[in-house]
C-alpha atoms as a PDB file:
ATOM      1  CA  MET A   1       0.000   0.000   0.000  1.00  0.00           C
ATOM      2  CA  LYS A   2       2.766   2.493   0.898  1.00  0.00           C
ATOM      3  CA  ASP A   3       4.471   1.909  -2.436  1.00  0.00           C
ATOM      4  CA  ARG A   4       1.184   2.456  -4.297  1.00  0.00           C
ATOM      5  CA  VAL A   5       0.667   5.748  -2.463  1.00  0.00           C
ATOM      6  CA  TYR A   6       4.287   6.800  -3.060  1.00  0.00           C
ATOM      7  CA  GLN A   7       4.017   6.095  -6.797  1.00  0.00           C
ATOM      8  CA  PHE A   8       0.686   7.922  -6.994  1.00  0.00           C
ATOM      9  CA  ILE A   9       1.923  11.048  -5.187  1.00  0.00           C
ATOM     10  CA  LYS A  10       5.187  11.060  -7.133  1.00  0.00           C
ATOM     11  CA  GLN A  11       3.173  11.381 -10.364  1.00  0.00           C
ATOM     12  CA  LYS A  12       1.121  14.314  -9.057  1.00  0.00           C
ATOM     13  CA  PRO A  13       2.941  17.656  -9.068  1.00  0.00           C
ATOM     14  CA  LEU A  14       0.216  19.567  -7.210  1.00  0.00           C
ATOM     15  CA  GLY A  15      -1.722  19.278  -3.995  1.00  0.00           C
ATOM     16  CA  VAL A  16      -4.169  21.396  -2.025  1.00  0.00           C
ATOM     17  CA  VAL A  17      -2.648  22.133   1.380  1.00  0.00           C
ATOM     18  CA  SER A  18      -4.966  23.181   4.187  1.00  0.00           C
ATOM     19  CA  THR A  19      -3.737  24.889   7.332  1.00  0.00           C
ATOM     20  CA  ILE A  20      -5.481  26.443  10.319  1.00  0.00           C
ATOM     21  CA  ASN A  21      -5.185  30.171  10.989  1.00  0.00           C
ATOM     22  CA  LYS A  22      -4.839  31.821  14.409  1.00  0.00           C
ATOM     23  CA  PHE A  23      -8.632  32.113  14.620  1.00  0.00           C
ATOM     24  CA  GLY A  24      -9.100  28.356  14.117  1.00  0.00           C
ATOM     25  CA  LYS A  25     -10.390  28.807  10.553  1.00  0.00           C
ATOM     26  CA  PRO A  26      -9.155  26.635   7.662  1.00  0.00           C
ATOM     27  CA  GLU A  27      -7.207  28.101   4.754  1.00  0.00           C
ATOM     28  CA  ALA A  28      -6.210  26.183   1.622  1.00  0.00           C
ATOM     29  CA  ALA A  29      -3.694  26.709  -1.171  1.00  0.00           C
ATOM     30  CA  LEU A  30      -2.765  24.824  -4.323  1.00  0.00           C
ATOM     31  CA  VAL A  31       1.003  24.164  -4.197  1.00  0.00           C
ATOM     32  CA  GLY A  32       3.709  22.211  -5.953  1.00  0.00           C
ATOM     33  CA  ILE A  33       4.677  19.097  -4.017  1.00  0.00           C
ATOM     34  CA  ALA A  34       7.280  16.367  -4.004  1.00  0.00           C
ATOM     35  CA  VAL A  35       7.328  13.154  -1.958  1.00  0.00           C
ATOM     36  CA  SER A  36      10.001  11.106  -0.185  1.00  0.00           C
ATOM     37  CA  ASP A  37       9.961   7.317  -0.038  1.00  0.00           C
ATOM     38  CA  GLN A  38       8.801   7.736   3.586  1.00  0.00           C
ATOM     39  CA  LEU A  39       5.701   9.535   2.231  1.00  0.00           C
ATOM     40  CA  GLU A  40       6.869  12.898   3.547  1.00  0.00           C
ATOM     41  CA  VAL A  41       5.508  15.717   1.388  1.00  0.00           C
ATOM     42  CA  ILE A  42       7.912  18.559   0.608  1.00  0.00           C
ATOM     43  CA  LEU A  43       6.864  21.992  -0.602  1.00  0.00           C
ATOM     44  CA  ASP A  44       8.212  25.508  -0.672  1.00  0.00           C
ATOM     45  CA  THR A  45       6.605  28.815   0.263  1.00  0.00           C
ATOM     46  CA  VAL A  46       7.567  32.301   1.350  1.00  0.00           C
ATOM     47  CA  LYS A  47       7.505  33.541   4.923  1.00  0.00           C
ATOM     48  CA  SER A  48       4.850  36.114   4.042  1.00  0.00           C
ATOM     49  CA  SER A  49       2.368  33.403   2.974  1.00  0.00           C
ATOM     50  CA  ARG A  50      -0.655  32.502   5.057  1.00  0.00           C
ATOM     51  CA  LYS A  51       0.344  28.829   5.147  1.00  0.00           C
ATOM     52  CA  TYR A  52       3.769  29.636   6.620  1.00  0.00           C
ATOM     53  CA  GLN A  53       2.276  31.885   9.297  1.00  0.00           C
ATOM     54  CA  ASN A  54      -0.378  29.269  10.079  1.00  0.00           C
ATOM     55  CA  ILE A  55       2.182  26.456  10.393  1.00  0.00           C
ATOM     56  CA  LEU A  56       4.150  28.535  12.911  1.00  0.00           C
ATOM     57  CA  GLN A  57       0.987  28.555  15.067  1.00  0.00           C
ATOM     58  CA  ASN A  58      -0.317  25.051  14.361  1.00  0.00           C
ATOM     59  CA  THR A  59       1.697  22.317  12.637  1.00  0.00           C
ATOM     60  CA  SER A  60      -1.355  20.224  11.707  1.00  0.00           C
ATOM     61  CA  VAL A  61      -2.062  20.224   7.969  1.00  0.00           C
ATOM     62  CA  ALA A  62      -4.216  18.320   5.520  1.00  0.00           C
ATOM     63  CA  ILE A  63      -3.430  17.764   1.856  1.00  0.00           C
ATOM     64  CA  VAL A  64      -5.540  16.478  -1.020  1.00  0.00           C
ATOM     65  CA  ILE A  65      -3.531  15.019  -3.886  1.00  0.00           C
ATOM     66  CA  GLY A  66      -5.033  13.992  -7.202  1.00  0.00           C
ATOM     67  CA  TRP A  67      -8.502  14.435  -8.525  1.00  0.00           C
ATOM     68  CA  ASP A  68      -8.278  13.040 -12.031  1.00  0.00           C
ATOM     69  CA  ASN A  69     -10.022   9.792 -12.852  1.00  0.00           C
ATOM     70  CA  GLU A  70     -11.683   9.552  -9.411  1.00  0.00           C
ATOM     71  CA  THR A  71      -8.412   8.728  -7.638  1.00  0.00           C
ATOM     72  CA  THR A  72      -7.132  10.735  -4.662  1.00  0.00           C
ATOM     73  CA  VAL A  73      -5.007  10.679  -1.566  1.00  0.00           C
ATOM     74  CA  GLN A  74      -6.329  12.421   1.527  1.00  0.00           C
ATOM     75  CA  TYR A  75      -3.329  13.149   3.737  1.00  0.00           C
ATOM     76  CA  GLU A  76      -3.110  14.466   7.283  1.00  0.00           C
ATOM     77  CA  GLY A  77       0.203  15.233   8.894  1.00  0.00           C
ATOM     78  CA  LYS A  78       2.534  17.440  10.861  1.00  0.00           C
ATOM     79  CA  ALA A  79       4.445  20.254   9.142  1.00  0.00           C
ATOM     80  CA  GLU A  80       8.002  21.256   9.930  1.00  0.00           C
ATOM     81  CA  ILE A  81      10.056  24.126   8.507  1.00  0.00           C
ATOM     82  CA  LEU A  82      13.264  22.642   7.118  1.00  0.00           C
ATOM     83  CA  GLY A  83      16.626  23.953   8.257  1.00  0.00           C
ATOM     84  CA  ASP A  84      20.054  23.322   6.790  1.00  0.00           C
ATOM     85  CA  ASP A  85      20.994  19.952   8.300  1.00  0.00           C
ATOM     86  CA  ALA A  86      21.779  16.846   6.230  1.00  0.00           C
ATOM     87  CA  GLU A  87      18.218  15.457   6.371  1.00  0.00           C
ATOM     88  CA  ALA A  88      16.783  18.804   5.280  1.00  0.00           C
ATOM     89  CA  GLN A  89      19.212  18.962   2.363  1.00  0.00           C
ATOM     90  CA  GLN A  90      18.178  15.452   1.250  1.00  0.00           C
ATOM     91  CA  LEU A  91      14.512  16.425   1.341  1.00  0.00           C
ATOM     92  CA  LYS A  92      15.201  19.646  -0.566  1.00  0.00           C
ATOM     93  CA  GLU A  93      16.994  17.576  -3.227  1.00  0.00           C
ATOM     94  CA  ILE A  94      13.834  15.475  -3.617  1.00  0.00           C
ATOM     95  CA  TYR A  95      11.903  18.702  -4.143  1.00  0.00           C
ATOM     96  CA  PHE A  96      14.497  20.022  -6.631  1.00  0.00           C
ATOM     97  CA  GLU A  97      14.282  16.765  -8.574  1.00  0.00           C
ATOM     98  CA  ALA A  98      10.551  17.335  -9.000  1.00  0.00           C
ATOM     99  CA  TYR A  99      10.977  21.101  -9.526  1.00  0.00           C
ATOM    100  CA  PRO A 100      14.385  21.912 -11.042  1.00  0.00           C
ATOM    101  CA  ASP A 101      13.492  25.632 -11.028  1.00  0.00           C
ATOM    102  CA  GLY A 102      13.094  25.358  -7.245  1.00  0.00           C
ATOM    103  CA  ARG A 103      16.852  25.522  -6.790  1.00  0.00           C
ATOM    104  CA  GLU A 104      16.975  28.973  -8.400  1.00  0.00           C
ATOM    105  CA  ARG A 105      13.942  30.114  -6.356  1.00  0.00           C
ATOM    106  CA  ALA A 106      15.724  29.005  -3.191  1.00  0.00           C
ATOM    107  CA  GLN A 107      18.673  31.237  -4.072  1.00  0.00           C
ATOM    108  CA  THR A 108      16.809  34.268  -5.379  1.00  0.00           C
ATOM    109  CA  TRP A 109      13.444  34.553  -3.610  1.00  0.00           C
ATOM    110  CA  SER A 110      13.582  36.483  -0.381  1.00  0.00           C
ATOM    111  CA  GLY A 111      12.082  34.590   2.545  1.00  0.00           C
ATOM    112  CA  LEU A 112      11.666  31.274   0.713  1.00  0.00           C
ATOM    113  CA  VAL A 113      11.477  28.222   2.982  1.00  0.00           C
ATOM    114  CA  HIS A 114      10.918  24.515   2.472  1.00  0.00           C
ATOM    115  CA  ILE A 115       8.405  22.567   4.512  1.00  0.00           C
ATOM    116  CA  LYS A 116       8.248  18.857   5.237  1.00  0.00           C
ATOM    117  CA  VAL A 117       4.910  17.302   6.130  1.00  0.00           C
ATOM    118  CA  SER A 118       5.202  13.947   7.890  1.00  0.00           C
ATOM    119  CA  PRO A 119       2.169  11.686   7.482  1.00  0.00           C
ATOM    120  CA  LYS A 120      -0.051  10.792  10.437  1.00  0.00           C
ATOM    121  CA  TRP A 121      -2.997   9.359   8.468  1.00  0.00           C
ATOM    122  CA  LEU A 122      -3.883   8.942   4.830  1.00  0.00           C
ATOM    123  CA  ARG A 123      -6.535   7.416   2.630  1.00  0.00           C
ATOM    124  CA  TYR A 124      -5.970   6.266  -0.932  1.00  0.00           C
ATOM    125  CA  SER A 125      -9.235   6.133  -2.884  1.00  0.00           C
ATOM    126  CA  ASN A 126      -9.631   4.814  -6.412  1.00  0.00           C
ATOM    127  CA  PHE A 127     -13.262   4.582  -7.464  1.00  0.00           C
ATOM    128  CA  ASN A 128     -12.528   2.811 -10.726  1.00  0.00           C
ATOM    129  CA  ASP A 129     -13.174  -0.890 -11.209  1.00  0.00           C
ATOM    130  CA  PRO A 130     -11.982  -2.528  -9.025  1.00  0.00           C
ATOM    131  CA  VAL A 131     -12.651   0.051  -6.321  1.00  0.00           C
ATOM    132  CA  VAL A 132      -9.760   0.431  -3.860  1.00  0.00           C
ATOM    133  CA  ILE A 133     -10.077   2.404  -0.627  1.00  0.00           C
ATOM    134  CA  GLU A 134      -7.278   1.933   1.890  1.00  0.00           C
ATOM    135  CA  GLU A 135      -6.208   3.866   4.996  1.00  0.00           C
ATOM    136  CA  ILE A 136      -2.848   4.039   6.731  1.00  0.00           C
ATOM    137  CA  SER A 137      -2.130   5.449  10.177  1.00  0.00           C
ATOM    138  CA  PHE A 138       1.439   6.274  11.156  1.00  0.00           C
END
């Protein structure tokens, strides 16, 4: 199941990321994503974005990935702003593989940060024949 989810996410360059603002209200944004073999989702954003500010207050996020052909992954996890350690660099490289222009953004965009979302729960749903609906908790 994990490999199926990894392969599915790896083929999807976009996801809708939902965060919670300081008033407890949800906010969502369509973003470019990459995925590690541990099903960690990596994305970039700027410090002035709502999602960045929200994650500083509440690290819980939800992501919806895929919508074509009635197949999706619903993903809930914990967000972490990446630093400059070896693990962070490896995760950034995964992102740069998916988005080669991300390397230039990282060097030229003021306030750009990378975020790792570690999975806590996900559901893979494929409503084609045969229907497959599977959940994983971490």
